[in-house]
């Protein structure tokens, strides 16, 4: 099987995104779901940007406490 960019995203980046979402609060996760839908079915081209958003959200949440 030839490794495609989508296969690589599925294998490596989707689990990272799921872990980051787990670190967000409920409100953040609801907003994410409204924008992107489910992590499993979201467009592979949006994963890297979604990871960056989650990282910024986690940092912002930590700073506000």
PDB file of N, CA and C in Angstrom:
ATOM      1  N   UNK A   1       0.839  -1.188   0.000  1.00  0.00           N
ATOM      2  CA  UNK A   1       0.000   0.000   0.000  1.00  0.00           C
ATOM      3  C   UNK A   1       0.882   1.248   0.000  1.00  0.00           C
ATOM      4  N   UNK A   2       0.556   2.156  -0.849  1.00  0.00           N
ATOM      5  CA  UNK A   2       1.292   3.413  -0.934  1.00  0.00           C
ATOM      6  C   UNK A   2       0.753   4.364   0.127  1.00  0.00           C
ATOM      7  N   UNK A   3       1.659   4.953   0.881  1.00  0.00           N
ATOM      8  CA  UNK A   3       1.250   5.903   1.921  1.00  0.00           C
ATOM      9  C   UNK A   3       0.848   7.212   1.261  1.00  0.00           C
ATOM     10  N   UNK A   4      -0.371   7.597   1.471  1.00  0.00           N
ATOM     11  CA  UNK A   4      -0.838   8.883   0.950  1.00  0.00           C
ATOM     12  C   UNK A   4      -0.881   9.872   2.100  1.00  0.00           C
ATOM     13  N   UNK A   5      -0.980  11.128   1.756  1.00  0.00           N
ATOM     14  CA  UNK A   5      -1.024  12.135   2.808  1.00  0.00           C
ATOM     15  C   UNK A   5      -2.243  11.933   3.705  1.00  0.00           C
ATOM     16  N   UNK A   6      -3.354  11.492   3.126  1.00  0.00           N
ATOM     17  CA  UNK A   6      -4.551  11.264   3.936  1.00  0.00           C
ATOM     18  C   UNK A   6      -4.353  10.088   4.896  1.00  0.00           C
ATOM     19  N   UNK A   7      -3.680   9.023   4.445  1.00  0.00           N
ATOM     20  CA  UNK A   7      -3.391   7.896   5.335  1.00  0.00           C
ATOM     21  C   UNK A   7      -2.502   8.326   6.492  1.00  0.00           C
ATOM     22  N   UNK A   8      -1.518   9.146   6.189  1.00  0.00           N
ATOM     23  CA  UNK A   8      -0.614   9.637   7.230  1.00  0.00           C
ATOM     24  C   UNK A   8      -1.383  10.500   8.225  1.00  0.00           C
ATOM     25  N   UNK A   9      -2.246  11.362   7.719  1.00  0.00           N
ATOM     26  CA  UNK A   9      -3.058  12.196   8.599  1.00  0.00           C
ATOM     27  C   UNK A   9      -3.926  11.333   9.500  1.00  0.00           C
ATOM     28  N   UNK A  10      -4.563  10.330   8.927  1.00  0.00           N
ATOM     29  CA  UNK A  10      -5.425   9.458   9.718  1.00  0.00           C
ATOM     30  C   UNK A  10      -4.640   8.720  10.794  1.00  0.00           C
ATOM     31  N   UNK A  11      -3.481   8.220  10.444  1.00  0.00           N
ATOM     32  CA  UNK A  11      -2.698   7.404  11.373  1.00  0.00           C
ATOM     33  C   UNK A  11      -2.040   8.228  12.476  1.00  0.00           C
ATOM     34  N   UNK A  12      -1.580   9.416  12.147  1.00  0.00           N
ATOM     35  CA  UNK A  12      -0.779  10.174  13.102  1.00  0.00           C
ATOM     36  C   UNK A  12      -1.449  11.425  13.668  1.00  0.00           C
ATOM     37  N   UNK A  13      -2.117  12.188  12.826  1.00  0.00           N
ATOM     38  CA  UNK A  13      -2.630  13.467  13.296  1.00  0.00           C
ATOM     39  C   UNK A  13      -4.026  13.400  13.903  1.00  0.00           C
ATOM     40  N   UNK A  14      -4.885  12.533  13.409  1.00  0.00           N
ATOM     41  CA  UNK A  14      -6.225  12.433  14.013  1.00  0.00           C
ATOM     42  C   UNK A  14      -6.138  12.036  15.497  1.00  0.00           C
ATOM     43  N   UNK A  15      -5.282  11.066  15.872  1.00  0.00           N
ATOM     44  CA  UNK A  15      -5.161  10.759  17.313  1.00  0.00           C
ATOM     45  C   UNK A  15      -4.648  11.940  18.134  1.00  0.00           C
ATOM     46  N   UNK A  16      -3.739  12.726  17.567  1.00  0.00           N
ATOM     47  CA  UNK A  16      -3.243  13.915  18.271  1.00  0.00           C
ATOM     48  C   UNK A  16      -4.386  14.899  18.481  1.00  0.00           C
ATOM     49  N   UNK A  17      -5.178  15.107  17.438  1.00  0.00           N
ATOM     50  CA  UNK A  17      -6.311  16.022  17.535  1.00  0.00           C
ATOM     51  C   UNK A  17      -7.309  15.542  18.585  1.00  0.00           C
ATOM     52  N   UNK A  18      -7.588  14.249  18.615  1.00  0.00           N
ATOM     53  CA  UNK A  18      -8.514  13.703  19.619  1.00  0.00           C
ATOM     54  C   UNK A  18      -7.988  13.949  21.026  1.00  0.00           C
ATOM     55  N   UNK A  19      -6.690  13.758  21.235  1.00  0.00           N
ATOM     56  CA  UNK A  19      -6.095  13.989  22.550  1.00  0.00           C
ATOM     57  C   UNK A  19      -6.198  15.457  22.945  1.00  0.00           C
ATOM     58  N   UNK A  20      -5.937  16.337  22.009  1.00  0.00           N
ATOM     59  CA  UNK A  20      -6.036  17.769  22.303  1.00  0.00           C
ATOM     60  C   UNK A  20      -7.477  18.162  22.632  1.00  0.00           C
ATOM     61  N   UNK A  21      -8.431  17.624  21.891  1.00  0.00           N
ATOM     62  CA  UNK A  21      -9.840  17.924  22.169  1.00  0.00           C
ATOM     63  C   UNK A  21     -10.237  17.460  23.566  1.00  0.00           C
ATOM     64  N   UNK A  22      -9.676  16.345  23.986  1.00  0.00           N
ATOM     65  CA  UNK A  22      -9.984  15.826  25.329  1.00  0.00           C
ATOM     66  C   UNK A  22      -9.495  16.786  26.411  1.00  0.00           C
ATOM     67  N   UNK A  23      -8.492  17.605  26.095  1.00  0.00           N
ATOM     68  CA  UNK A  23      -7.963  18.572  27.051  1.00  0.00           C
ATOM     69  C   UNK A  23      -8.749  19.891  27.062  1.00  0.00           C
ATOM     70  N   UNK A  24      -9.640  20.048  26.098  1.00  0.00           N
ATOM     71  CA  UNK A  24     -10.481  21.243  26.029  1.00  0.00           C
ATOM     72  C   UNK A  24     -11.708  21.061  26.918  1.00  0.00           C
ATOM     73  N   UNK A  25     -12.355  22.161  27.268  1.00  0.00           N
ATOM     74  CA  UNK A  25     -13.557  22.039  28.086  1.00  0.00           C
ATOM     75  C   UNK A  25     -14.771  21.717  27.207  1.00  0.00           C
ATOM     76  N   UNK A  26     -15.897  21.424  27.842  1.00  0.00           N
ATOM     77  CA  UNK A  26     -17.098  21.015  27.106  1.00  0.00           C
ATOM     78  C   UNK A  26     -17.544  22.067  26.095  1.00  0.00           C
ATOM     79  N   UNK A  27     -17.523  23.316  26.491  1.00  0.00           N
ATOM     80  CA  UNK A  27     -17.926  24.388  25.585  1.00  0.00           C
ATOM     81  C   UNK A  27     -17.026  24.466  24.361  1.00  0.00           C
ATOM     82  N   UNK A  28     -15.717  24.298  24.580  1.00  0.00           N
ATOM     83  CA  UNK A  28     -14.776  24.309  23.462  1.00  0.00           C
ATOM     84  C   UNK A  28     -15.060  23.158  22.500  1.00  0.00           C
ATOM     85  N   UNK A  29     -15.347  21.976  23.069  1.00  0.00           N
ATOM     86  CA  UNK A  29     -15.624  20.801  22.226  1.00  0.00           C
ATOM     87  C   UNK A  29     -16.917  20.974  21.436  1.00  0.00           C
ATOM     88  N   UNK A  30     -17.931  21.579  22.053  1.00  0.00           N
ATOM     89  CA  UNK A  30     -19.185  21.818  21.326  1.00  0.00           C
ATOM     90  C   UNK A  30     -18.963  22.785  20.163  1.00  0.00           C
ATOM     91  N   UNK A  31     -18.207  23.842  20.420  1.00  0.00           N
ATOM     92  CA  UNK A  31     -17.915  24.809  19.364  1.00  0.00           C
ATOM     93  C   UNK A  31     -17.122  24.145  18.237  1.00  0.00           C
ATOM     94  N   UNK A  32     -16.144  23.339  18.601  1.00  0.00           N
ATOM     95  CA  UNK A  32     -15.350  22.626  17.608  1.00  0.00           C
ATOM     96  C   UNK A  32     -16.258  21.738  16.751  1.00  0.00           C
ATOM     97  N   UNK A  33     -17.171  21.020  17.392  1.00  0.00           N
ATOM     98  CA  UNK A  33     -18.071  20.120  16.662  1.00  0.00           C
ATOM     99  C   UNK A  33     -18.969  20.893  15.707  1.00  0.00           C
ATOM    100  N   UNK A  34     -19.427  22.093  16.115  1.00  0.00           N
ATOM    101  CA  UNK A  34     -20.253  22.915  15.217  1.00  0.00           C
ATOM    102  C   UNK A  34     -19.466  23.361  13.991  1.00  0.00           C
ATOM    103  N   UNK A  35     -18.187  23.661  14.186  1.00  0.00           N
ATOM    104  CA  UNK A  35     -17.366  24.161  13.087  1.00  0.00           C
ATOM    105  C   UNK A  35     -16.871  23.024  12.190  1.00  0.00           C
ATOM    106  N   UNK A  36     -16.337  21.975  12.804  1.00  0.00           N
ATOM    107  CA  UNK A  36     -15.667  20.917  12.045  1.00  0.00           C
ATOM    108  C   UNK A  36     -16.435  19.606  11.946  1.00  0.00           C
ATOM    109  N   UNK A  37     -17.394  19.396  12.809  1.00  0.00           N
ATOM    110  CA  UNK A  37     -18.053  18.096  12.845  1.00  0.00           C
ATOM    111  C   UNK A  37     -17.213  17.101  13.617  1.00  0.00           C
ATOM    112  N   UNK A  38     -17.372  15.854  13.309  1.00  0.00           N
ATOM    113  CA  UNK A  38     -16.662  14.782  14.005  1.00  0.00           C
ATOM    114  C   UNK A  38     -15.220  14.669  13.503  1.00  0.00           C
ATOM    115  N   UNK A  39     -14.293  14.421  14.410  1.00  0.00           N
ATOM    116  CA  UNK A  39     -12.880  14.291  14.055  1.00  0.00           C
ATOM    117  C   UNK A  39     -12.677  13.163  13.038  1.00  0.00           C
ATOM    118  N   UNK A  40     -13.405  12.084  13.193  1.00  0.00           N
ATOM    119  CA  UNK A  40     -13.235  10.924  12.312  1.00  0.00           C
ATOM    120  C   UNK A  40     -13.638  11.208  10.874  1.00  0.00           C
ATOM    121  N   UNK A  41     -14.577  12.116  10.674  1.00  0.00           N
ATOM    122  CA  UNK A  41     -15.094  12.347   9.330  1.00  0.00           C
ATOM    123  C   UNK A  41     -14.713  13.712   8.765  1.00  0.00           C
ATOM    124  N   UNK A  42     -13.998  14.517   9.543  1.00  0.00           N
ATOM    125  CA  UNK A  42     -13.653  15.848   9.052  1.00  0.00           C
ATOM    126  C   UNK A  42     -12.658  15.757   7.900  1.00  0.00           C
ATOM    127  N   UNK A  43     -12.672  16.753   7.056  1.00  0.00           N
ATOM    128  CA  UNK A  43     -11.798  16.836   5.895  1.00  0.00           C
ATOM    129  C   UNK A  43     -10.341  16.785   6.360  1.00  0.00           C
ATOM    130  N   UNK A  44      -9.571  15.899   5.761  1.00  0.00           N
ATOM    131  CA  UNK A  44      -8.171  15.723   6.146  1.00  0.00           C
ATOM    132  C   UNK A  44      -7.368  17.010   5.989  1.00  0.00           C
ATOM    133  N   UNK A  45      -7.768  17.865   5.054  1.00  0.00           N
ATOM    134  CA  UNK A  45      -7.045  19.115   4.829  1.00  0.00           C
ATOM    135  C   UNK A  45      -7.204  20.101   5.979  1.00  0.00           C
ATOM    136  N   UNK A  46      -8.162  19.871   6.853  1.00  0.00           N
ATOM    137  CA  UNK A  46      -8.416  20.798   7.961  1.00  0.00           C
ATOM    138  C   UNK A  46      -7.772  20.348   9.279  1.00  0.00           C
ATOM    139  N   UNK A  47      -7.204  19.162   9.303  1.00  0.00           N
ATOM    140  CA  UNK A  47      -6.697  18.606  10.561  1.00  0.00           C
ATOM    141  C   UNK A  47      -5.571  19.441  11.161  1.00  0.00           C
ATOM    142  N   UNK A  48      -4.597  19.812  10.372  1.00  0.00           N
ATOM    143  CA  UNK A  48      -3.457  20.568  10.916  1.00  0.00           C
ATOM    144  C   UNK A  48      -3.927  21.898  11.506  1.00  0.00           C
ATOM    145  N   UNK A  49      -4.835  22.578  10.831  1.00  0.00           N
ATOM    146  CA  UNK A  49      -5.357  23.845  11.348  1.00  0.00           C
ATOM    147  C   UNK A  49      -6.159  23.613  12.630  1.00  0.00           C
ATOM    148  N   UNK A  50      -6.942  22.542  12.664  1.00  0.00           N
ATOM    149  CA  UNK A  50      -7.735  22.223  13.857  1.00  0.00           C
ATOM    150  C   UNK A  50      -6.820  21.923  15.049  1.00  0.00           C
ATOM    151  N   UNK A  51      -5.703  21.275  14.799  1.00  0.00           N
ATOM    152  CA  UNK A  51      -4.735  21.008  15.871  1.00  0.00           C
ATOM    153  C   UNK A  51      -4.198  22.334  16.419  1.00  0.00           C
ATOM    154  N   UNK A  52      -3.855  23.246  15.542  1.00  0.00           N
ATOM    155  CA  UNK A  52      -3.336  24.546  15.976  1.00  0.00           C
ATOM    156  C   UNK A  52      -4.378  25.297  16.804  1.00  0.00           C
ATOM    157  N   UNK A  53      -5.635  25.244  16.393  1.00  0.00           N
ATOM    158  CA  UNK A  53      -6.706  25.898  17.145  1.00  0.00           C
ATOM    159  C   UNK A  53      -6.833  25.280  18.536  1.00  0.00           C
ATOM    160  N   UNK A  54      -6.801  23.967  18.602  1.00  0.00           N
ATOM    161  CA  UNK A  54      -6.917  23.293  19.902  1.00  0.00           C
ATOM    162  C   UNK A  54      -5.752  23.658  20.814  1.00  0.00           C
ATOM    163  N   UNK A  55      -4.549  23.695  20.268  1.00  0.00           N
ATOM    164  CA  UNK A  55      -3.384  24.060  21.081  1.00  0.00           C
ATOM    165  C   UNK A  55      -3.526  25.471  21.640  1.00  0.00           C
ATOM    166  N   UNK A  56      -3.976  26.405  20.812  1.00  0.00           N
ATOM    167  CA  UNK A  56      -4.186  27.784  21.290  1.00  0.00           C
ATOM    168  C   UNK A  56      -5.294  27.844  22.335  1.00  0.00           C
ATOM    169  N   UNK A  57      -6.346  27.064  22.133  1.00  0.00           N
ATOM    170  CA  UNK A  57      -7.465  27.053  23.082  1.00  0.00           C
ATOM    171  C   UNK A  57      -7.023  26.515  24.431  1.00  0.00           C
ATOM    172  N   UNK A  58      -6.253  25.438  24.431  1.00  0.00           N
ATOM    173  CA  UNK A  58      -5.752  24.856  25.681  1.00  0.00           C
ATOM    174  C   UNK A  58      -4.891  25.868  26.420  1.00  0.00           C
ATOM    175  N   UNK A  59      -4.025  26.559  25.691  1.00  0.00           N
ATOM    176  CA  UNK A  59      -3.156  27.574  26.306  1.00  0.00           C
ATOM    177  C   UNK A  59      -3.985  28.712  26.882  1.00  0.00           C
ATOM    178  N   UNK A  60      -4.963  29.169  26.125  1.00  0.00           N
ATOM    179  CA  UNK A  60      -5.827  30.255  26.578  1.00  0.00           C
ATOM    180  C   UNK A  60      -6.611  29.834  27.825  1.00  0.00           C
ATOM    181  N   UNK A  61      -7.136  28.623  27.839  1.00  0.00           N
ATOM    182  CA  UNK A  61      -7.873  28.125  29.006  1.00  0.00           C
ATOM    183  C   UNK A  61      -6.968  28.077  30.240  1.00  0.00           C
ATOM    184  N   UNK A  62      -5.722  27.647  30.057  1.00  0.00           N
ATOM    185  CA  UNK A  62      -4.781  27.558  31.180  1.00  0.00           C
ATOM    186  C   UNK A  62      -4.436  28.941  31.725  1.00  0.00           C
ATOM    187  N   UNK A  63      -4.313  29.913  30.842  1.00  0.00           N
ATOM    188  CA  UNK A  63      -3.964  31.267  31.258  1.00  0.00           C
ATOM    189  C   UNK A  63      -5.109  31.957  32.001  1.00  0.00           C
ATOM    190  N   UNK A  64      -6.326  31.542  31.714  1.00  0.00           N
ATOM    191  CA  UNK A  64      -7.477  32.196  32.354  1.00  0.00           C
ATOM    192  C   UNK A  64      -7.780  31.628  33.730  1.00  0.00           C
ATOM    193  N   UNK A  65      -7.059  30.589  34.129  1.00  0.00           N
ATOM    194  CA  UNK A  65      -7.270  30.010  35.471  1.00  0.00           C
ATOM    195  C   UNK A  65      -6.268  30.496  36.453  1.00  0.00           C
TER     196      UNK A  65
END
